[in-house]
Amino acid sequence: MTDPTAETARLMKVVEAIVKELDRQGVAEAVADLGFDPMQMARVVVSAADGDVVPFRRP
């Protein structure tokens, strides 16, 4: 069993990296303009990479 605090810190670092990359490529603003939350999208990506199925719908 992993430490929940360490797991949260790991996920936040990954989410931050994903959001920074979306911003660097100029995609974060376009995604936000469509009504999506870039942080939520990044969390979905992390969960999917961990093997969890997360339903994700257009707002």
C-alpha atoms as a PDB file:
ATOM      1  CA  MET A   1       0.000   0.000   0.000  1.00  0.00           C
ATOM      2  CA  THR A   2       1.379   3.397  -0.914  1.00  0.00           C
ATOM      3  CA  ASP A   3       1.335   6.490   1.234  1.00  0.00           C
ATOM      4  CA  PRO A   4      -1.696   8.604   0.171  1.00  0.00           C
ATOM      5  CA  THR A   5       0.244  11.851   0.616  1.00  0.00           C
ATOM      6  CA  ALA A   6       3.085  10.615  -1.582  1.00  0.00           C
ATOM      7  CA  GLU A   7       0.611   9.355  -4.178  1.00  0.00           C
ATOM      8  CA  THR A   8      -1.182  12.710  -4.234  1.00  0.00           C
ATOM      9  CA  ALA A   9       2.128  14.540  -4.618  1.00  0.00           C
ATOM     10  CA  ARG A  10       3.104  12.253  -7.511  1.00  0.00           C
ATOM     11  CA  LEU A  11      -0.207  12.788  -9.260  1.00  0.00           C
ATOM     12  CA  MET A  12      -0.033  16.558  -8.820  1.00  0.00           C
ATOM     13  CA  LYS A  13       3.468  16.662 -10.334  1.00  0.00           C
ATOM     14  CA  VAL A  14       2.286  14.664 -13.330  1.00  0.00           C
ATOM     15  CA  VAL A  15      -0.853  16.785 -13.704  1.00  0.00           C
ATOM     16  CA  GLU A  16       1.216  19.965 -13.498  1.00  0.00           C
ATOM     17  CA  ALA A  17       3.587  18.680 -16.189  1.00  0.00           C
ATOM     18  CA  ILE A  18       0.678  17.800 -18.477  1.00  0.00           C
ATOM     19  CA  VAL A  19      -0.978  21.193 -18.021  1.00  0.00           C
ATOM     20  CA  LYS A  20       2.337  22.998 -18.621  1.00  0.00           C
ATOM     21  CA  GLU A  21       2.804  21.044 -21.842  1.00  0.00           C
ATOM     22  CA  LEU A  22      -0.746  21.839 -22.962  1.00  0.00           C
ATOM     23  CA  ASP A  23       0.000  25.498 -22.265  1.00  0.00           C
ATOM     24  CA  ARG A  24       3.378  25.370 -24.027  1.00  0.00           C
ATOM     25  CA  GLN A  25       1.731  24.017 -27.151  1.00  0.00           C
ATOM     26  CA  GLY A  26      -1.007  26.631 -26.981  1.00  0.00           C
ATOM     27  CA  VAL A  27      -3.708  24.044 -26.434  1.00  0.00           C
ATOM     28  CA  ALA A  28      -4.687  24.789 -22.829  1.00  0.00           C
ATOM     29  CA  GLU A  29      -6.442  28.047 -23.686  1.00  0.00           C
ATOM     30  CA  ALA A  30      -8.330  26.489 -26.611  1.00  0.00           C
ATOM     31  CA  VAL A  31      -9.391  23.587 -24.412  1.00  0.00           C
ATOM     32  CA  ALA A  32     -10.557  25.979 -21.691  1.00  0.00           C
ATOM     33  CA  ASP A  33     -12.459  28.036 -24.299  1.00  0.00           C
ATOM     34  CA  LEU A  34     -14.391  24.879 -25.192  1.00  0.00           C
ATOM     35  CA  GLY A  35     -15.451  24.555 -21.560  1.00  0.00           C
ATOM     36  CA  PHE A  36     -13.019  21.842 -20.496  1.00  0.00           C
ATOM     37  CA  ASP A  37     -10.883  22.114 -17.391  1.00  0.00           C
ATOM     38  CA  PRO A  38      -7.258  21.328 -18.380  1.00  0.00           C
ATOM     39  CA  MET A  39      -6.490  20.128 -14.826  1.00  0.00           C
ATOM     40  CA  GLN A  40      -9.418  17.694 -14.909  1.00  0.00           C
ATOM     41  CA  MET A  41      -8.304  16.435 -18.317  1.00  0.00           C
ATOM     42  CA  ALA A  42      -4.817  15.855 -16.953  1.00  0.00           C
ATOM     43  CA  ARG A  43      -6.227  13.920 -13.981  1.00  0.00           C
ATOM     44  CA  VAL A  44      -8.183  11.723 -16.400  1.00  0.00           C
ATOM     45  CA  VAL A  45      -4.973  11.027 -18.328  1.00  0.00           C
ATOM     46  CA  VAL A  46      -3.142  10.076 -15.134  1.00  0.00           C
ATOM     47  CA  SER A  47      -5.982   7.814 -14.018  1.00  0.00           C
ATOM     48  CA  ALA A  48      -6.087   6.132 -17.414  1.00  0.00           C
ATOM     49  CA  ALA A  49      -2.332   5.553 -17.276  1.00  0.00           C
ATOM     50  CA  ASP A  50      -2.825   3.921 -13.872  1.00  0.00           C
ATOM     51  CA  GLY A  51      -5.417   1.589 -15.403  1.00  0.00           C
ATOM     52  CA  ASP A  52      -8.563   3.275 -14.085  1.00  0.00           C
ATOM     53  CA  VAL A  53     -11.440   3.890 -16.464  1.00  0.00           C
ATOM     54  CA  VAL A  54     -12.757   7.409 -15.998  1.00  0.00           C
ATOM     55  CA  PRO A  55     -15.794   8.592 -17.936  1.00  0.00           C
ATOM     56  CA  PHE A  56     -15.057  11.964 -19.492  1.00  0.00           C
ATOM     57  CA  ARG A  57     -17.759  13.988 -21.155  1.00  0.00           C
ATOM     58  CA  ARG A  58     -17.903  17.303 -22.870  1.00  0.00           C
ATOM     59  CA  PRO A  59     -19.154  19.980 -20.449  1.00  0.00           C
END
